[in-house]
Amino acid sequence: MPRMVRHELTGPIKIEPQDKPIFICGCGLTKNFPFCDGSHKNCTAEKEGTLYVYGPDKSTIVEERTDDGG
């Protein structure tokens, strides 16, 4: 069953349980889930109030939807 998951963060979540911090993906675009791989850089041009649907490659925007339905 297909499913759309809405991620609203545009950067990673920092966890510091060890000597070196670990960054967990917060945007949903990483190819190394659950770890951040820097893919959140694709989120920098996203506008507030717009839903972005990314393609299977997780780097190409295939659809944009605004809160007003457009």
N, C-alpha and C. Protein backbone atom coordinates (compact mmCIF):
# COMPACT_ATOMS: atom_id res chain seq x y z
N MET A 1 0.85 -1.18 0.00
CA MET A 1 0.00 0.00 0.00
C MET A 1 0.89 1.24 0.00
N PRO A 2 0.68 2.17 -0.94
CA PRO A 2 1.48 3.38 -0.96
C PRO A 2 1.15 4.28 0.22
N ARG A 3 2.10 5.05 0.60
CA ARG A 3 1.93 5.91 1.77
C ARG A 3 2.75 7.17 1.58
N MET A 4 2.20 8.31 1.94
CA MET A 4 2.95 9.57 1.92
C MET A 4 3.24 9.94 3.36
N VAL A 5 4.51 10.17 3.66
CA VAL A 5 4.92 10.56 5.00
C VAL A 5 5.36 12.01 4.94
N ARG A 6 4.81 12.84 5.78
CA ARG A 6 5.16 14.26 5.78
C ARG A 6 6.27 14.52 6.79
N HIS A 7 7.41 14.97 6.30
CA HIS A 7 8.52 15.39 7.15
C HIS A 7 8.56 16.91 7.08
N GLU A 8 8.64 17.56 8.23
CA GLU A 8 8.64 19.01 8.23
C GLU A 8 9.98 19.60 8.59
N LEU A 9 10.93 18.80 9.02
CA LEU A 9 12.25 19.32 9.32
C LEU A 9 13.03 19.51 8.03
N THR A 10 13.96 20.41 8.04
CA THR A 10 14.80 20.64 6.86
C THR A 10 16.27 20.41 7.20
N GLY A 11 16.51 19.68 8.27
CA GLY A 11 17.88 19.37 8.66
C GLY A 11 17.89 18.17 9.59
N PRO A 12 19.08 17.74 10.00
CA PRO A 12 19.20 16.55 10.82
C PRO A 12 18.94 16.81 12.30
N ILE A 13 18.76 15.72 13.03
CA ILE A 13 18.61 15.76 14.48
C ILE A 13 19.93 15.28 15.07
N LYS A 14 20.54 16.09 15.90
CA LYS A 14 21.85 15.78 16.45
C LYS A 14 21.69 14.99 17.75
N ILE A 15 22.39 13.86 17.85
CA ILE A 15 22.39 13.03 19.05
C ILE A 15 23.84 12.89 19.49
N GLU A 16 24.11 13.13 20.78
CA GLU A 16 25.49 13.08 21.27
C GLU A 16 25.68 12.04 22.37
N PRO A 17 25.48 10.75 22.04
CA PRO A 17 25.65 9.74 23.08
C PRO A 17 27.09 9.25 23.23
N GLN A 18 27.98 9.64 22.32
CA GLN A 18 29.34 9.14 22.29
C GLN A 18 30.31 10.30 22.20
N ASP A 19 31.55 9.98 21.89
CA ASP A 19 32.56 11.02 21.71
C ASP A 19 32.27 11.87 20.47
N LYS A 20 31.72 11.23 19.44
CA LYS A 20 31.41 11.91 18.19
C LYS A 20 29.89 11.95 18.00
N PRO A 21 29.30 13.13 17.69
CA PRO A 21 27.85 13.19 17.52
C PRO A 21 27.36 12.37 16.33
N ILE A 22 26.12 11.92 16.43
CA ILE A 22 25.44 11.18 15.37
C ILE A 22 24.33 12.08 14.86
N PHE A 23 24.12 12.15 13.56
CA PHE A 23 23.07 12.96 12.98
C PHE A 23 22.02 12.05 12.35
N ILE A 24 20.78 12.16 12.82
CA ILE A 24 19.65 11.37 12.34
C ILE A 24 18.85 12.23 11.36
N CYS A 25 18.43 11.64 10.24
CA CYS A 25 17.69 12.37 9.22
C CYS A 25 16.38 12.93 9.77
N GLY A 26 16.12 14.18 9.48
CA GLY A 26 14.87 14.80 9.88
C GLY A 26 14.02 15.23 8.69
N CYS A 27 14.58 15.13 7.49
CA CYS A 27 13.86 15.60 6.30
C CYS A 27 13.24 14.46 5.49
N GLY A 28 13.73 13.23 5.67
CA GLY A 28 13.19 12.08 4.95
C GLY A 28 13.83 11.83 3.60
N LEU A 29 14.84 12.60 3.21
CA LEU A 29 15.43 12.45 1.88
C LEU A 29 16.72 11.63 1.85
N THR A 30 17.24 11.26 3.02
CA THR A 30 18.49 10.52 3.07
C THR A 30 18.39 9.17 2.35
N LYS A 31 19.47 8.75 1.77
CA LYS A 31 19.54 7.42 1.16
C LYS A 31 20.17 6.43 2.13
N ASN A 32 20.51 6.89 3.33
CA ASN A 32 21.17 6.09 4.35
C ASN A 32 20.35 6.10 5.64
N PHE A 33 19.02 5.96 5.52
CA PHE A 33 18.13 6.06 6.68
C PHE A 33 18.52 5.06 7.75
N PRO A 34 18.54 5.47 9.01
CA PRO A 34 18.04 6.72 9.57
C PRO A 34 19.09 7.83 9.66
N PHE A 35 20.27 7.61 9.13
CA PHE A 35 21.35 8.57 9.29
C PHE A 35 21.33 9.65 8.21
N CYS A 36 21.71 10.86 8.60
CA CYS A 36 21.78 11.99 7.68
C CYS A 36 22.94 11.79 6.70
N ASP A 37 22.68 12.04 5.41
CA ASP A 37 23.75 11.99 4.41
C ASP A 37 23.92 13.33 3.70
N GLY A 38 23.31 14.38 4.24
CA GLY A 38 23.42 15.72 3.66
C GLY A 38 22.35 16.04 2.63
N SER A 39 21.43 15.10 2.38
CA SER A 39 20.39 15.32 1.38
C SER A 39 19.45 16.47 1.73
N HIS A 40 19.43 16.89 3.00
CA HIS A 40 18.56 18.00 3.41
C HIS A 40 18.92 19.29 2.70
N LYS A 41 20.06 19.33 2.05
CA LYS A 41 20.43 20.53 1.28
C LYS A 41 19.43 20.77 0.15
N ASN A 42 18.73 19.71 -0.28
CA ASN A 42 17.69 19.85 -1.31
C ASN A 42 16.48 20.62 -0.78
N CYS A 43 16.36 20.76 0.54
CA CYS A 43 15.21 21.43 1.16
C CYS A 43 15.37 22.94 1.24
N THR A 44 16.52 23.46 0.93
CA THR A 44 16.78 24.89 1.16
C THR A 44 15.87 25.82 0.37
N ALA A 45 15.38 25.39 -0.79
CA ALA A 45 14.52 26.25 -1.61
C ALA A 45 13.03 26.01 -1.36
N GLU A 46 12.69 25.09 -0.45
CA GLU A 46 11.28 24.82 -0.18
C GLU A 46 10.62 26.02 0.50
N LYS A 47 9.37 26.29 0.09
CA LYS A 47 8.61 27.41 0.64
C LYS A 47 7.65 26.92 1.72
N GLU A 48 7.46 27.74 2.74
CA GLU A 48 6.52 27.45 3.82
C GLU A 48 5.12 27.28 3.25
N GLY A 49 4.36 26.32 3.75
CA GLY A 49 2.99 26.11 3.31
C GLY A 49 2.86 25.32 2.02
N THR A 50 3.96 24.72 1.55
CA THR A 50 3.93 23.94 0.32
C THR A 50 4.36 22.52 0.63
N LEU A 51 3.62 21.55 0.11
CA LEU A 51 3.97 20.13 0.25
C LEU A 51 4.77 19.74 -0.99
N TYR A 52 5.94 19.18 -0.79
CA TYR A 52 6.81 18.76 -1.88
C TYR A 52 6.80 17.24 -1.95
N VAL A 53 6.54 16.72 -3.14
CA VAL A 53 6.57 15.28 -3.37
C VAL A 53 7.82 14.99 -4.19
N TYR A 54 8.72 14.19 -3.62
CA TYR A 54 9.97 13.85 -4.28
C TYR A 54 9.82 12.50 -4.99
N GLY A 55 10.56 12.33 -6.08
CA GLY A 55 10.55 11.09 -6.83
C GLY A 55 11.34 10.01 -6.10
N PRO A 56 11.38 8.82 -6.68
CA PRO A 56 12.08 7.69 -6.06
C PRO A 56 13.57 7.96 -5.79
N ASP A 57 14.18 8.86 -6.55
CA ASP A 57 15.60 9.17 -6.33
C ASP A 57 15.81 10.08 -5.12
N LYS A 58 14.72 10.58 -4.53
CA LYS A 58 14.72 11.45 -3.35
C LYS A 58 15.46 12.77 -3.56
N SER A 59 15.69 13.16 -4.82
CA SER A 59 16.33 14.44 -5.07
C SER A 59 15.58 15.28 -6.11
N THR A 60 14.62 14.67 -6.81
CA THR A 60 13.85 15.37 -7.83
C THR A 60 12.44 15.63 -7.32
N ILE A 61 12.02 16.90 -7.35
CA ILE A 61 10.65 17.24 -6.94
C ILE A 61 9.74 16.93 -8.12
N VAL A 62 8.74 16.06 -7.89
CA VAL A 62 7.84 15.67 -8.96
C VAL A 62 6.48 16.38 -8.85
N GLU A 63 6.21 16.97 -7.68
CA GLU A 63 4.94 17.67 -7.50
C GLU A 63 5.07 18.64 -6.34
N GLU A 64 4.40 19.79 -6.46
CA GLU A 64 4.30 20.77 -5.38
C GLU A 64 2.83 21.06 -5.16
N ARG A 65 2.41 21.05 -3.89
CA ARG A 65 1.02 21.37 -3.56
C ARG A 65 1.03 22.46 -2.47
N THR A 66 0.24 23.51 -2.67
CA THR A 66 0.13 24.56 -1.66
C THR A 66 -1.10 24.31 -0.80
N ASP A 67 -1.14 24.99 0.34
CA ASP A 67 -2.27 24.83 1.26
C ASP A 67 -3.60 25.21 0.63
N ASP A 68 -3.57 26.06 -0.40
CA ASP A 68 -4.81 26.49 -1.05
C ASP A 68 -5.24 25.50 -2.15
N GLY A 69 -4.54 24.33 -2.23
CA GLY A 69 -4.92 23.31 -3.19
C GLY A 69 -4.25 23.42 -4.53
N GLY A 70 -3.42 24.45 -4.74
CA GLY A 70 -2.78 24.67 -6.03
C GLY A 70 -1.46 24.01 -6.21
